[in-house]
């Protein structure tokens, strides 16, 4: 493994160690990859194994096992086992949540729940807190917010718009491409364009960000990676989720994005005046009363 990879491994302390192994595996030495493979194959078995037993399972030497633990950022085998136990406590890692044709409904349910929890924890650990705080500052000072998105991202945009009582200012959600261009073209300084795209490569969304920014609006993006979209935004919220099967990865990215919207709207509401917060609580009570079944 090269020097940069070794340096990077020292910065993995807060991450799920099983996902660290999965991510770093291609950069490990060939013998270290053998250890990685037996860990990923059955992490619970390794949790109860000694260094010698792990070496025998991987068909490598005991020094290789110790070198592997150092390569992935652990201080030694005991530290590795502690972090392995912590990872398993979060739920089955995404690498073991791939759906099989033979899976029964109860197995499908277990895998998707485990995968979702693990992926959300991954997204939480990698979210840039400085960017999050900056986005909250911008949204708190905004005169109005327009959320832009297509498809699954459009669902997130619509959900964000529904939280306008928390944001405390006029909010809109634009999902039609023509309307998006029209609205972005009319935006002004003091307004916020909030563009949502998990891939961050959708040409029309990138164009919307550019248009809104050229007209003086502050642009915030919510995306799944350091994508081309971030080049046209003032604040980039990168919400990275784990890759798995095409069957439900889009749902995971949407759930993570919805969680971030909840964080933003709640944080902005907490910065509003006591009077505004009182009105929000009153609104929630009225909604609760409306939902109660009326006696016959």
Protein backbone atom coordinates (compact mmCIF):
# COMPACT_ATOMS: atom_id res chain seq x y z
CA UNK A 1 0.00 0.00 0.00
CA UNK A 2 1.37 3.44 -0.89
CA UNK A 3 2.19 6.21 1.59
CA UNK A 4 -0.97 8.22 0.90
CA UNK A 5 -3.15 5.19 1.59
CA UNK A 6 -1.33 4.57 4.88
CA UNK A 7 -1.87 8.18 5.90
CA UNK A 8 -5.55 7.99 4.96
CA UNK A 9 -5.98 4.86 7.07
CA UNK A 10 -5.07 6.82 10.19
CA UNK A 11 -8.11 9.04 9.68
CA UNK A 12 -10.69 6.25 9.84
CA UNK A 13 -11.23 6.34 13.60
CA UNK A 14 -14.89 7.34 13.60
CA UNK A 15 -16.03 5.14 10.73
CA UNK A 16 -17.61 1.70 10.60
CA UNK A 17 -14.52 -0.51 10.39
CA UNK A 18 -16.22 -3.04 8.10
CA UNK A 19 -16.97 -0.33 5.56
CA UNK A 20 -13.41 0.98 5.98
CA UNK A 21 -12.14 -2.48 5.01
CA UNK A 22 -14.52 -2.67 2.07
CA UNK A 23 -13.41 0.76 0.82
CA UNK A 24 -9.67 0.22 1.34
CA UNK A 25 -9.51 -3.40 0.13
CA UNK A 26 -8.38 -2.61 -3.47
CA UNK A 27 -5.37 -0.64 -2.13
CA UNK A 28 -4.17 -3.29 0.33
CA UNK A 29 -1.28 -5.70 -0.25
CA UNK A 30 -2.30 -9.04 -1.74
CA UNK A 31 -1.74 -10.90 1.54
CA UNK A 32 -3.62 -8.22 3.50
CA UNK A 33 -6.55 -8.58 1.09
CA UNK A 34 -6.80 -12.23 2.14
CA UNK A 35 -7.37 -11.09 5.71
CA UNK A 36 -9.86 -8.46 4.53
CA UNK A 37 -11.79 -11.13 2.63
CA UNK A 38 -12.21 -13.45 5.61
CA UNK A 39 -13.35 -10.51 7.76
CA UNK A 40 -15.91 -9.38 5.19
CA UNK A 41 -17.09 -12.95 4.64
CA UNK A 42 -18.00 -13.57 8.28
CA UNK A 43 -17.16 -10.67 10.66
CA UNK A 44 -18.84 -12.34 13.64
CA UNK A 45 -16.55 -15.34 13.32
CA UNK A 46 -13.49 -13.08 13.37
CA UNK A 47 -14.88 -11.25 16.41
CA UNK A 48 -14.35 -14.43 18.45
CA UNK A 49 -11.08 -15.48 16.79
CA UNK A 50 -7.50 -15.08 17.96
CA UNK A 51 -4.70 -13.69 15.81
CA UNK A 52 -3.58 -17.24 15.06
CA UNK A 53 -7.08 -18.42 14.15
CA UNK A 54 -7.58 -15.42 11.87
CA UNK A 55 -4.24 -16.10 10.19
CA UNK A 56 -5.20 -19.73 9.64
CA UNK A 57 -8.57 -18.78 8.11
CA UNK A 58 -6.88 -16.31 5.74
CA UNK A 59 -3.96 -18.67 5.07
CA UNK A 60 -1.42 -15.99 5.98
CA UNK A 61 1.08 -15.46 8.77
CA UNK A 62 0.21 -13.90 12.11
CA UNK A 63 2.44 -10.84 11.40
CA UNK A 64 0.36 -10.30 8.24
CA UNK A 65 -2.82 -10.15 10.34
CA UNK A 66 -1.23 -7.56 12.62
CA UNK A 67 0.01 -5.57 9.62
CA UNK A 68 -3.52 -5.65 8.19
CA UNK A 69 -5.00 -4.13 11.35
CA UNK A 70 -2.45 -1.33 11.21
CA UNK A 71 -3.09 -0.75 7.51
CA UNK A 72 -6.80 -0.11 8.13
CA UNK A 73 -6.08 2.39 10.91
CA UNK A 74 -6.25 0.29 14.09
CA UNK A 75 -3.59 0.34 16.79
CA UNK A 76 -3.48 -3.45 16.92
CA UNK A 77 -5.59 -6.60 16.97
CA UNK A 78 -7.44 -5.78 20.24
CA UNK A 79 -8.38 -2.33 18.91
CA UNK A 80 -9.50 -3.93 15.64
CA UNK A 81 -11.81 -6.35 17.50
CA UNK A 82 -13.32 -3.53 19.58
CA UNK A 83 -14.11 -1.55 16.43
CA UNK A 84 -15.42 -4.67 14.73
CA UNK A 85 -17.82 -5.21 17.62
CA UNK A 86 -18.95 -1.57 17.39
CA UNK A 87 -19.58 -1.97 13.67
CA UNK A 88 -21.65 -5.10 14.16
CA UNK A 89 -23.68 -3.31 16.84
CA UNK A 90 -24.82 -0.85 14.17
CA UNK A 91 -26.33 -3.66 12.15
CA UNK A 92 -25.21 -5.95 9.38
CA UNK A 93 -22.81 -4.06 7.10
CA UNK A 94 -23.92 -3.14 3.59
CA UNK A 95 -21.53 -5.66 2.09
CA UNK A 96 -23.71 -8.43 3.59
CA UNK A 97 -27.07 -6.89 2.67
CA UNK A 98 -27.16 -7.79 -1.01
CA UNK A 99 -30.54 -9.26 -1.87
CA UNK A 100 -30.62 -12.82 -3.20
CA UNK A 101 -33.31 -14.44 -5.31
CA UNK A 102 -33.73 -17.05 -2.59
CA UNK A 103 -34.36 -14.53 0.22
CA UNK A 104 -37.68 -14.84 2.02
CA UNK A 105 -39.69 -11.67 2.85
CA UNK A 106 -38.47 -11.66 6.46
CA UNK A 107 -34.86 -11.82 5.23
CA UNK A 108 -35.49 -9.02 2.75
CA UNK A 109 -36.93 -6.89 5.56
CA UNK A 110 -33.96 -7.58 7.83
CA UNK A 111 -31.40 -6.79 5.12
CA UNK A 112 -33.03 -3.55 4.03
CA UNK A 113 -33.41 -2.32 7.62
CA UNK A 114 -29.78 -3.22 8.39
CA UNK A 115 -28.53 -1.66 5.17
CA UNK A 116 -30.50 1.53 5.77
CA UNK A 117 -29.20 1.98 9.32
CA UNK A 118 -25.61 1.28 8.33
CA UNK A 119 -25.81 3.61 5.34
CA UNK A 120 -27.31 6.43 7.39
CA UNK A 121 -24.54 6.05 9.96
CA UNK A 122 -22.01 6.20 7.13
CA UNK A 123 -23.62 9.40 5.79
CA UNK A 124 -23.67 10.95 9.27
CA UNK A 125 -19.98 10.28 9.88
CA UNK A 126 -18.97 11.84 6.56
CA UNK A 127 -21.23 14.91 6.56
CA UNK A 128 -19.23 18.14 6.56
CA UNK A 129 -20.38 19.90 9.74
CA UNK A 130 -18.83 23.20 8.66
CA UNK A 131 -20.82 23.16 5.41
CA UNK A 132 -23.94 22.21 7.39
CA UNK A 133 -23.52 25.22 9.68
CA UNK A 134 -22.91 27.51 6.73
CA UNK A 135 -26.09 26.25 5.02
CA UNK A 136 -28.09 26.91 8.19
CA UNK A 137 -26.67 30.47 8.35
CA UNK A 138 -27.64 31.10 4.72
CA UNK A 139 -31.16 29.67 5.14
CA UNK A 140 -31.73 31.64 8.34
CA UNK A 141 -30.85 34.91 6.58
CA UNK A 142 -32.76 34.15 3.34
CA UNK A 143 -35.78 36.15 2.22
CA UNK A 144 -37.18 33.14 0.37
CA UNK A 145 -36.12 29.62 -0.66
CA UNK A 146 -36.80 27.69 -3.84
CA UNK A 147 -36.06 23.95 -3.89
CA UNK A 148 -35.23 22.37 -7.26
CA UNK A 149 -35.13 18.66 -8.11
CA UNK A 150 -36.17 15.94 -10.56
CA UNK A 151 -37.49 12.43 -9.92
CA UNK A 152 -36.50 11.14 -6.48
CA UNK A 153 -34.78 14.47 -5.79
CA UNK A 154 -38.06 16.18 -6.66
CA UNK A 155 -39.71 14.24 -3.84
CA UNK A 156 -37.09 15.62 -1.46
CA UNK A 157 -37.69 19.13 -2.82
CA UNK A 158 -41.43 18.79 -2.25
CA UNK A 159 -40.88 17.55 1.30
CA UNK A 160 -38.56 20.49 1.99
CA UNK A 161 -41.18 22.94 0.72
CA UNK A 162 -43.74 21.38 3.08
CA UNK A 163 -41.53 22.41 5.99
CA UNK A 164 -41.94 26.13 5.23
CA UNK A 165 -43.42 26.82 8.72
CA UNK A 166 -40.09 25.75 10.21
CA UNK A 167 -38.03 27.79 7.77
CA UNK A 168 -40.29 30.75 8.59
CA UNK A 169 -40.12 32.33 5.11
CA UNK A 170 -41.80 31.74 1.73
CA UNK A 171 -40.67 28.41 0.23
CA UNK A 172 -41.41 26.85 -3.14
CA UNK A 173 -40.56 23.59 -4.89
CA UNK A 174 -40.04 23.57 -8.66
CA UNK A 175 -40.02 20.16 -10.37
CA UNK A 176 -40.79 21.10 -13.98
CA UNK A 177 -37.76 21.95 -16.14
CA UNK A 178 -39.39 24.95 -17.85
CA UNK A 179 -40.65 26.38 -14.57
CA UNK A 180 -37.24 25.85 -13.04
CA UNK A 181 -35.55 27.96 -15.71
CA UNK A 182 -38.19 30.69 -15.39
CA UNK A 183 -37.95 30.86 -11.60
CA UNK A 184 -34.13 30.65 -11.49
CA UNK A 185 -33.91 33.45 -14.06
CA UNK A 186 -36.01 35.73 -11.86
CA UNK A 187 -34.18 35.10 -8.58
CA UNK A 188 -32.48 37.99 -6.79
CA UNK A 189 -29.82 38.59 -4.11
CA UNK A 190 -31.10 37.57 -0.70
CA UNK A 191 -32.95 34.59 -2.11
CA UNK A 192 -31.71 30.99 -1.93
CA UNK A 193 -31.78 28.37 -4.66
CA UNK A 194 -31.56 24.93 -3.05
CA UNK A 195 -30.73 22.38 -5.77
CA UNK A 196 -31.00 18.65 -5.08
CA UNK A 197 -29.36 15.92 -7.14
CA UNK A 198 -27.90 12.69 -5.78
CA UNK A 199 -25.65 12.18 -8.82
CA UNK A 200 -24.84 15.88 -9.18
CA UNK A 201 -24.38 15.33 -12.92
CA UNK A 202 -27.85 16.16 -14.24
CA UNK A 203 -27.16 18.82 -16.84
CA UNK A 204 -30.42 20.74 -16.34
CA UNK A 205 -29.96 20.97 -12.55
CA UNK A 206 -26.40 22.22 -13.01
CA UNK A 207 -27.76 24.84 -15.42
CA UNK A 208 -30.39 25.91 -12.88
CA UNK A 209 -27.65 26.40 -10.27
CA UNK A 210 -25.63 28.48 -12.71
CA UNK A 211 -28.59 30.66 -13.73
CA UNK A 212 -29.70 31.29 -10.14
CA UNK A 213 -26.17 32.16 -9.06
CA UNK A 214 -25.63 34.49 -12.03
CA UNK A 215 -28.75 36.37 -10.97
CA UNK A 216 -27.42 36.95 -7.45
CA UNK A 217 -29.12 34.16 -5.54
CA UNK A 218 -27.13 32.09 -3.05
CA UNK A 219 -27.03 28.47 -4.20
CA UNK A 220 -26.97 25.48 -1.86
CA UNK A 221 -26.74 21.98 -3.25
CA UNK A 222 -27.58 18.65 -1.66
CA UNK A 223 -25.73 15.92 -3.54
CA UNK A 224 -24.28 12.46 -3.04
CA UNK A 225 -20.65 13.16 -3.92
CA UNK A 226 -18.16 15.86 -4.82
CA UNK A 227 -19.90 16.15 -8.18
CA UNK A 228 -19.80 18.73 -11.03
CA UNK A 229 -22.83 20.42 -9.45
CA UNK A 230 -20.72 21.65 -6.52
CA UNK A 231 -18.73 23.89 -8.88
CA UNK A 232 -21.80 26.12 -9.29
CA UNK A 233 -22.84 26.30 -5.62
CA UNK A 234 -21.93 28.53 -2.71
CA UNK A 235 -22.53 25.77 -0.15
CA UNK A 236 -22.28 22.06 -0.92
CA UNK A 237 -23.87 19.49 1.37
CA UNK A 238 -22.43 16.14 0.31
CA UNK A 239 -24.53 13.29 1.69
CA UNK A 240 -22.69 10.15 0.69
CA UNK A 241 -24.53 6.85 1.05
CA UNK A 242 -23.20 3.33 0.57
CA UNK A 243 -23.50 1.67 -2.80
CA UNK A 244 -25.33 -1.64 -2.95
CA UNK A 245 -27.84 -2.98 -5.43
CA UNK A 246 -29.68 -0.90 -8.00
CA UNK A 247 -32.88 -2.21 -6.46
CA UNK A 248 -32.92 0.13 -3.48
CA UNK A 249 -29.88 2.39 -3.46
CA UNK A 250 -32.00 5.35 -4.75
CA UNK A 251 -34.30 4.92 -1.73
CA UNK A 252 -31.34 5.09 0.64
CA UNK A 253 -30.03 8.30 -0.91
CA UNK A 254 -33.51 9.81 -0.69
CA UNK A 255 -33.88 8.86 2.98
CA UNK A 256 -30.49 10.39 3.79
CA UNK A 257 -31.41 13.58 1.92
CA UNK A 258 -34.72 13.80 3.80
CA UNK A 259 -32.86 13.48 7.11
CA UNK A 260 -30.60 16.39 6.14
CA UNK A 261 -33.64 18.49 5.23
CA UNK A 262 -35.05 17.72 8.69
CA UNK A 263 -31.76 18.84 10.26
CA UNK A 264 -31.75 22.09 8.29
CA UNK A 265 -35.39 23.01 8.87
CA UNK A 266 -35.26 22.18 12.58
CA UNK A 267 -31.99 24.09 13.07
CA UNK A 268 -33.37 27.16 11.29
CA UNK A 269 -36.59 27.01 13.35
CA UNK A 270 -34.55 26.91 16.56
CA UNK A 271 -32.86 30.18 15.55
CA UNK A 272 -36.16 31.99 14.99
CA UNK A 273 -37.75 34.24 17.60
CA UNK A 274 -39.71 32.78 20.53
CA UNK A 275 -42.85 34.23 18.93
CA UNK A 276 -42.25 32.31 15.72
CA UNK A 277 -41.55 29.10 17.64
CA UNK A 278 -44.78 29.57 19.58
CA UNK A 279 -46.69 29.89 16.29
CA UNK A 280 -45.10 26.69 15.00
CA UNK A 281 -46.17 24.84 18.16
CA UNK A 282 -49.68 26.26 17.77
CA UNK A 283 -49.77 25.08 14.15
CA UNK A 284 -48.74 21.57 15.22
CA UNK A 285 -51.48 21.48 17.89
CA UNK A 286 -54.07 22.52 15.33
CA UNK A 287 -52.91 19.81 12.94
CA UNK A 288 -53.07 17.28 15.75
CA UNK A 289 -56.63 18.34 16.58
CA UNK A 290 -57.63 18.02 12.94
CA UNK A 291 -56.28 14.46 12.75
CA UNK A 292 -58.22 13.22 15.75
CA UNK A 293 -61.33 11.24 14.89
CA UNK A 294 -64.43 13.22 15.73
CA UNK A 295 -66.92 11.42 18.02
CA UNK A 296 -70.09 10.23 16.31
